[in-house]
Protein backbone atom coordinates (compact mmCIF):
# COMPACT_ATOMS: atom_id res chain seq x y z
CA MET A 1 178.76 -27.74 -168.06
CA GLU A 2 181.73 -29.81 -166.91
CA GLU A 3 183.12 -26.92 -164.86
CA LEU A 4 179.71 -26.27 -163.32
CA LEU A 5 179.39 -29.93 -162.34
CA LYS A 6 182.83 -29.83 -160.74
CA SER A 7 181.86 -26.71 -158.81
CA LEU A 8 178.61 -28.29 -157.58
CA LYS A 9 180.44 -31.46 -156.57
CA LYS A 10 182.86 -29.38 -154.51
CA LEU A 11 179.95 -27.62 -152.80
CA GLN A 12 178.26 -30.95 -152.06
CA ILE A 13 181.44 -32.31 -150.47
CA ASN A 14 182.28 -29.22 -148.41
CA LEU A 15 178.78 -28.34 -147.24
CA LYS A 16 178.08 -29.28 -143.62
CA VAL A 17 174.65 -28.54 -142.16
CA PRO A 18 174.22 -29.81 -138.59
CA LYS A 19 170.74 -30.67 -137.31
CA GLU A 20 170.42 -27.95 -134.70
CA GLN A 21 166.61 -27.65 -134.65
CA ARG A 22 164.61 -29.76 -132.18
CA ASN A 23 161.10 -31.22 -132.53
CA ASN A 24 160.00 -31.84 -128.96
CA PHE A 25 156.89 -33.75 -129.99
CA GLY A 26 158.60 -36.21 -132.31
CA LYS A 27 161.76 -36.27 -130.17
CA TYR A 28 164.19 -35.78 -133.04
CA ASN A 29 166.65 -33.21 -134.38
CA TYR A 30 166.36 -31.74 -137.85
CA ARG A 31 167.66 -28.99 -140.13
CA SER A 32 165.44 -26.32 -141.64
CA CYS A 33 165.55 -24.72 -145.09
CA GLU A 34 167.01 -21.61 -143.47
CA ASP A 35 169.80 -23.66 -141.86
CA ILE A 36 170.78 -25.10 -145.24
CA LEU A 37 170.82 -21.71 -146.95
CA GLU A 38 172.92 -20.15 -144.19
CA GLU A 39 175.63 -22.78 -144.60
CA VAL A 40 175.46 -22.64 -148.41
CA LYS A 41 176.17 -18.90 -148.29
CA LYS A 42 179.31 -19.50 -146.24
CA VAL A 43 180.71 -22.04 -148.71
CA LEU A 44 179.78 -20.02 -151.80
CA ASP A 45 181.37 -16.88 -150.39
CA LYS A 46 184.69 -18.65 -149.85
CA GLU A 47 185.11 -21.07 -152.68
CA ASN A 48 183.53 -20.18 -156.04
CA ASP A 49 181.82 -17.66 -158.28
CA CYS A 50 178.62 -19.63 -158.72
CA THR A 51 175.37 -18.90 -156.96
CA LEU A 52 172.22 -20.73 -155.92
CA PHE A 53 168.69 -19.41 -156.06
CA LEU A 54 165.19 -20.68 -155.28
CA GLN A 55 161.84 -20.05 -156.90
CA ASP A 56 158.29 -21.30 -156.33
CA GLU A 57 155.44 -22.11 -158.67
CA LEU A 58 151.85 -23.04 -157.85
CA VAL A 59 150.67 -26.04 -159.87
CA MET A 60 147.37 -27.93 -159.95
CA LEU A 61 147.65 -31.73 -159.77
CA GLY A 62 144.67 -34.01 -159.28
CA GLY A 63 142.45 -31.15 -158.26
CA ARG A 64 144.80 -29.97 -155.50
CA PHE A 65 147.30 -27.11 -155.39
CA TYR A 66 150.95 -27.99 -154.92
CA VAL A 67 153.89 -25.68 -154.36
CA LYS A 68 156.69 -26.58 -156.77
CA ALA A 69 160.06 -25.37 -155.50
CA ILE A 70 163.03 -25.20 -157.87
CA ALA A 71 166.61 -24.99 -156.56
CA THR A 72 169.05 -23.81 -159.25
CA TYR A 73 172.84 -23.75 -159.16
CA THR A 74 174.34 -21.49 -161.82
CA ASN A 75 177.52 -19.82 -163.01
CA GLY A 76 175.54 -17.23 -164.98
CA LYS A 77 175.74 -19.19 -168.24
CA GLU A 78 174.67 -22.73 -167.38
CA ASN A 79 172.24 -24.09 -164.81
CA ILE A 80 171.62 -27.25 -162.80
CA SER A 81 168.15 -27.46 -161.26
CA VAL A 82 166.25 -29.81 -158.97
CA SER A 83 162.56 -29.46 -158.09
CA ALA A 84 160.36 -30.77 -155.28
CA TYR A 85 156.64 -30.56 -154.52
CA ALA A 86 154.59 -30.00 -151.37
CA ARG A 87 150.81 -30.07 -151.27
CA GLU A 88 148.90 -27.24 -149.62
CA GLU A 89 146.54 -28.49 -146.93
CA GLU A 90 142.97 -27.30 -147.35
CA GLU A 91 143.14 -26.08 -143.76
CA LYS A 92 145.50 -26.46 -140.84
CA LYS A 93 144.55 -25.67 -137.25
CA GLY A 94 146.06 -22.41 -136.01
CA MET A 95 147.24 -21.25 -139.47
CA ASP A 96 145.70 -18.87 -142.01
CA GLY A 97 145.92 -19.27 -145.80
CA SER A 98 149.21 -17.41 -146.22
CA GLN A 99 150.85 -19.45 -143.44
CA ILE A 100 149.69 -22.71 -145.04
CA THR A 101 151.23 -21.68 -148.38
CA GLY A 102 154.41 -20.50 -146.64
CA SER A 103 154.74 -23.80 -144.78
CA ALA A 104 154.32 -25.78 -148.03
CA SER A 105 156.88 -23.55 -149.75
CA SER A 106 159.43 -24.03 -146.98
CA TYR A 107 158.93 -27.80 -147.06
CA ALA A 108 159.26 -28.01 -150.86
CA ARG A 109 162.33 -25.73 -150.92
CA LYS A 110 164.05 -27.81 -148.27
CA TYR A 111 163.66 -31.02 -150.26
CA ALA A 112 164.70 -29.38 -153.52
CA LEU A 113 167.88 -28.26 -151.75
CA ASN A 114 168.35 -31.74 -150.30
CA GLY A 115 168.23 -33.23 -153.79
CA LEU A 116 170.55 -30.67 -155.34
CA LEU A 117 173.12 -30.73 -152.53
CA LEU A 118 172.92 -34.46 -151.64
CA ILE A 119 171.71 -33.82 -148.09
CA ASP A 120 170.41 -36.80 -146.15
CA ASP A 121 167.32 -35.75 -144.21
CA THR A 122 166.82 -38.85 -142.09
CA LYS A 123 165.46 -37.85 -138.69
CA ASP A 124 167.72 -38.41 -135.69
CA ALA A 125 165.54 -40.12 -133.12
CA ASP A 126 166.51 -40.20 -129.46
CA PHE A 127 168.68 -42.98 -128.13
CA THR A 128 166.92 -45.74 -126.26
CA ASN A 129 168.08 -47.00 -122.86
CA THR A 130 170.21 -49.59 -124.67
CA GLY A 131 172.08 -46.87 -126.53
CA GLN A 132 170.57 -47.78 -129.88
CA LYS A 133 168.75 -45.26 -132.04
CA THR A 134 165.13 -45.92 -132.85
CA GLN A 135 162.81 -44.32 -135.37
CA PRO A 136 159.32 -45.34 -134.28
CA ASN A 137 156.26 -44.92 -136.46
CA ILE A 138 154.10 -42.66 -134.33
CA LEU A 139 150.93 -43.94 -135.97
CA GLN A 140 151.68 -47.61 -135.40
CA LYS A 141 148.71 -49.33 -133.81
CA THR A 142 149.47 -50.97 -130.50
CA GLN A 143 147.22 -53.75 -129.33
CA GLU A 144 145.99 -53.15 -125.82
CA LYS A 145 143.01 -54.67 -124.03
CA THR A 146 141.77 -51.32 -122.74
CA LYS A 147 142.51 -47.83 -123.96
CA ILE A 148 141.08 -44.59 -122.64
CA GLN A 149 139.14 -42.10 -124.72
CA LEU A 150 139.97 -38.41 -124.28
CA ASN A 151 137.46 -35.58 -124.25
CA GLU A 152 138.44 -32.07 -125.33
CA LYS A 153 139.75 -30.96 -121.91
CA GLN A 154 141.69 -34.20 -121.44
CA TRP A 155 143.16 -33.84 -124.92
CA ILE A 156 144.45 -30.33 -124.14
CA LYS A 157 146.03 -31.62 -120.91
CA THR A 158 147.62 -34.46 -122.87
CA ILE A 159 149.16 -32.00 -125.33
CA GLU A 160 150.46 -29.96 -122.39
CA ALA A 161 152.04 -33.11 -120.93
CA ILE A 162 153.76 -33.86 -124.24
CA MET A 163 155.07 -30.29 -124.51
CA SER A 164 156.44 -30.37 -120.97
CA GLY A 165 158.14 -33.72 -121.55
CA GLU A 166 155.99 -35.62 -119.04
CA LYS A 167 154.68 -37.87 -121.82
CA THR A 168 155.79 -38.88 -125.30
CA ILE A 169 153.65 -39.28 -128.38
CA GLU A 170 154.34 -43.02 -128.32
CA GLN A 171 153.03 -43.30 -124.74
CA VAL A 172 149.85 -41.42 -125.67
CA ILE A 173 149.21 -43.67 -128.67
CA ALA A 174 149.78 -46.79 -126.58
CA ALA A 175 147.44 -45.69 -123.76
CA CYS A 176 144.65 -43.88 -125.59
CA GLU A 177 141.98 -44.73 -128.12
CA LEU A 178 142.46 -41.77 -130.43
CA THR A 179 139.95 -40.32 -132.85
CA GLU A 180 140.97 -39.76 -136.46
CA LYS A 181 141.24 -36.03 -135.71
CA GLN A 182 143.51 -36.59 -132.70
CA THR A 183 145.70 -39.00 -134.66
CA ALA A 184 146.02 -36.49 -137.51
CA GLU A 185 146.95 -33.73 -135.04
CA LEU A 186 149.66 -35.89 -133.47
CA GLU A 187 151.04 -36.63 -136.92
CA PHE A 188 151.08 -32.91 -137.73
CA LEU A 189 152.85 -32.08 -134.45
CA ALA A 190 155.49 -34.77 -134.98
CA LYS A 191 156.44 -33.22 -138.33
CA SER A 192 156.06 -29.57 -137.38
CA GLU A 193 158.71 -27.01 -136.59
CA PRO A 194 158.61 -25.35 -133.14
CA SER A 195 156.80 -22.20 -134.36
CA GLU A 196 153.97 -24.29 -135.81
CA GLU A 197 153.73 -26.36 -132.62
CA GLU A 198 153.32 -23.19 -130.55
CA ARG A 199 150.62 -21.83 -132.87
CA TYR A 200 148.73 -25.11 -132.68
CA TYR A 201 148.93 -25.22 -128.87
CA ASN A 202 147.68 -21.65 -128.53
CA GLU A 203 144.80 -22.40 -130.91
CA ILE A 204 143.45 -25.47 -129.07
CA LYS A 205 143.45 -23.60 -125.76
CA LYS A 206 141.00 -20.99 -127.09
């Protein structure tokens, strides 16, 4: 086990995974599960005889299904494993059942890898005009005397404005009196990867 721990430590030190993905809604950069695996392969190919594999299990907790992802680092004789969980949503706009499960699996696998490989997954928010980074809570309530309510057509136009960069999520929250559904959709968009954002946008236009 000592040699396996030394090998894993070396991988943790040498592994570099830049945040090359962009979430245009949340205005931050991030790394995906696929990005991590691609860089892991490069380091493993060059530096040791160990390997890393992932597996998923469906578990029931509190009456809800969770995807349990297990990341295992092994030399063929001994193993080091880390697990992470992601809950399947009952439904998600623009996604069928298999896509919901796949999204939960990807999320759980990413965080299992983060734990095993000591990857910090703090989101990189945009710089403000003062040059300082901020990480705003997109659901923070802002106190305004008057806020506008958006009907369905106005909501679609608002989403289009966010996607084009004309507005930010923070500006929409500050100016609009959002319904619970609209707030939940903004939260989903802020955490989604670009492919999920596109599916959502196409769905609300129907």
